[in-house]
């Protein structure tokens, strides 16, 4: 199968990253990880590290399979760089305080608090992940 153009590969890569992210966040992540990943100290960091490891592995599997089946022509180093960005920022975002502080700094503090943890806080968390995945998809196709 021939390689797709960068412009055609980008939306496919973004879709693969997004689908894998939702799967990893909502099906793969354990209840323990979800409940403890934002806690202070070792407990929170251990729970979050486990979540980010499975999150990144899920995205890696999606990219590898999608690259093969769709003939995307992605290079290993570009996929690795995209996954490193996605995983590292996922870790930071899921600590929760960075998104809360950004929301407060941008005058979105009330929205962040709206509806409890699955309201505004969750929506801003997800929007931040989507933004990073868009950048990660560009990185994945940059050497295309």
Protein backbone atom coordinates (compact mmCIF):
# COMPACT_ATOMS: atom_id res chain seq x y z
CA UNK A 1 0.00 0.00 0.00
CA UNK A 2 1.35 3.42 -0.84
CA UNK A 3 2.08 6.04 1.77
CA UNK A 4 -0.47 8.76 2.35
CA UNK A 5 0.46 12.42 2.05
CA UNK A 6 1.23 14.26 5.28
CA UNK A 7 -2.06 16.16 4.96
CA UNK A 8 -3.99 12.89 4.63
CA UNK A 9 -2.02 11.10 7.35
CA UNK A 10 -2.51 13.83 9.97
CA UNK A 11 -6.27 13.33 10.60
CA UNK A 12 -5.80 9.55 10.66
CA UNK A 13 -3.00 9.83 13.22
CA UNK A 14 -5.02 12.27 15.34
CA UNK A 15 -7.99 9.91 15.25
CA UNK A 16 -5.81 6.96 16.28
CA UNK A 17 -4.32 8.93 19.19
CA UNK A 18 -7.74 10.19 20.32
CA UNK A 19 -9.43 6.78 20.13
CA UNK A 20 -6.55 5.20 22.03
CA UNK A 21 -6.61 7.98 24.63
CA UNK A 22 -10.31 7.54 25.33
CA UNK A 23 -9.88 3.78 25.51
CA UNK A 24 -6.89 4.10 27.86
CA UNK A 25 -8.55 6.71 30.08
CA UNK A 26 -11.94 5.04 30.38
CA UNK A 27 -11.42 1.29 29.86
CA UNK A 28 -7.75 0.50 30.54
CA UNK A 29 -7.13 2.77 33.54
CA UNK A 30 -7.91 0.95 36.78
CA UNK A 31 -10.31 2.34 39.36
CA UNK A 32 -7.40 2.56 41.79
CA UNK A 33 -5.35 4.64 39.34
CA UNK A 34 -8.27 6.97 38.63
CA UNK A 35 -8.98 7.50 42.33
CA UNK A 36 -5.37 7.98 43.46
CA UNK A 37 -3.40 9.53 40.57
CA UNK A 38 -3.85 13.11 41.75
CA UNK A 39 -3.08 12.42 45.41
CA UNK A 40 0.02 14.02 46.86
CA UNK A 41 3.20 12.07 47.50
CA UNK A 42 4.35 8.66 46.44
CA UNK A 43 0.85 7.13 46.33
CA UNK A 44 -0.33 9.59 43.69
CA UNK A 45 2.81 9.38 41.59
CA UNK A 46 2.82 5.57 41.59
CA UNK A 47 -0.85 5.39 40.56
CA UNK A 48 -0.31 7.99 37.85
CA UNK A 49 2.85 6.34 36.53
CA UNK A 50 0.93 3.08 36.09
CA UNK A 51 -1.86 4.89 34.28
CA UNK A 52 0.49 6.81 31.98
CA UNK A 53 2.38 3.61 31.16
CA UNK A 54 -0.79 1.85 29.98
CA UNK A 55 -2.06 5.05 28.33
CA UNK A 56 1.13 5.43 26.30
CA UNK A 57 1.21 1.72 25.47
CA UNK A 58 -2.38 1.91 24.22
CA UNK A 59 -1.54 4.89 22.02
CA UNK A 60 1.61 3.15 20.78
CA UNK A 61 -0.37 0.05 19.82
CA UNK A 62 -2.92 2.18 17.97
CA UNK A 63 -0.21 4.03 16.05
CA UNK A 64 1.71 0.87 15.17
CA UNK A 65 -1.37 -1.02 14.00
CA UNK A 66 -2.82 2.02 12.22
CA UNK A 67 0.49 2.75 10.52
CA UNK A 68 0.62 -0.80 9.22
CA UNK A 69 -3.02 -1.25 8.22
CA UNK A 70 -3.55 2.22 6.77
CA UNK A 71 -0.14 2.51 5.12
CA UNK A 72 0.55 5.83 6.84
CA UNK A 73 4.31 5.66 6.33
CA UNK A 74 5.13 6.98 9.80
CA UNK A 75 8.71 6.71 11.00
CA UNK A 76 9.59 5.14 14.31
CA UNK A 77 11.39 8.18 15.69
CA UNK A 78 8.46 10.46 14.87
CA UNK A 79 5.98 8.11 16.51
CA UNK A 80 8.27 7.84 19.56
CA UNK A 81 8.51 11.63 19.83
CA UNK A 82 4.73 11.99 19.55
CA UNK A 83 4.19 9.34 22.22
CA UNK A 84 6.77 10.94 24.52
CA UNK A 85 4.97 14.29 24.28
CA UNK A 86 1.57 12.71 24.81
CA UNK A 87 2.70 10.60 27.77
CA UNK A 88 4.68 13.34 29.53
CA UNK A 89 1.93 15.92 29.21
CA UNK A 90 -0.71 13.37 30.18
CA UNK A 91 1.20 12.84 33.42
CA UNK A 92 1.28 16.57 34.12
CA UNK A 93 -2.36 17.18 33.15
CA UNK A 94 -3.62 14.26 35.23
CA UNK A 95 -2.06 15.66 38.39
CA UNK A 96 -5.06 18.03 38.07
CA UNK A 97 -3.51 21.10 39.68
CA UNK A 98 -1.92 22.36 36.42
CA UNK A 99 -5.29 22.48 34.66
CA UNK A 100 -6.95 24.04 37.71
CA UNK A 101 -4.26 26.74 37.93
CA UNK A 102 -4.45 27.44 34.20
CA UNK A 103 -8.25 27.72 34.44
CA UNK A 104 -7.96 30.15 37.33
CA UNK A 105 -5.30 32.21 35.54
CA UNK A 106 -7.48 32.45 32.43
CA UNK A 107 -10.63 33.40 34.36
CA UNK A 108 -12.19 29.95 33.97
CA UNK A 109 -12.07 29.00 37.66
CA UNK A 110 -15.85 28.97 38.02
CA UNK A 111 -16.19 26.78 34.93
CA UNK A 112 -13.55 24.42 36.33
CA UNK A 113 -15.63 23.98 39.50
CA UNK A 114 -18.93 23.64 37.59
CA UNK A 115 -20.55 20.25 38.10
CA UNK A 116 -17.90 18.71 40.33
CA UNK A 117 -15.00 16.55 39.13
CA UNK A 118 -16.84 15.25 36.06
CA UNK A 119 -18.07 18.69 35.03
CA UNK A 120 -15.90 21.62 34.09
CA UNK A 121 -12.73 20.08 35.54
CA UNK A 122 -13.15 16.99 33.37
CA UNK A 123 -14.02 19.00 30.25
CA UNK A 124 -10.98 21.26 30.62
CA UNK A 125 -8.81 18.19 31.29
CA UNK A 126 -10.05 16.53 28.12
CA UNK A 127 -9.72 19.71 26.04
CA UNK A 128 -6.09 19.99 27.16
CA UNK A 129 -5.42 16.36 26.21
CA UNK A 130 -7.03 16.93 22.80
CA UNK A 131 -4.81 19.96 22.20
CA UNK A 132 -1.66 18.00 23.01
CA UNK A 133 -2.77 15.05 20.88
CA UNK A 134 -3.23 17.43 17.96
CA UNK A 135 0.36 18.58 18.40
CA UNK A 136 1.54 14.99 18.87
CA UNK A 137 -0.17 13.97 15.62
CA UNK A 138 1.70 16.72 13.80
CA UNK A 139 4.97 15.49 15.30
CA UNK A 140 4.16 11.93 14.20
CA UNK A 141 3.70 12.99 10.57
CA UNK A 142 6.42 15.65 10.40
CA UNK A 143 9.02 13.36 8.78
CA UNK A 144 6.43 11.80 6.53
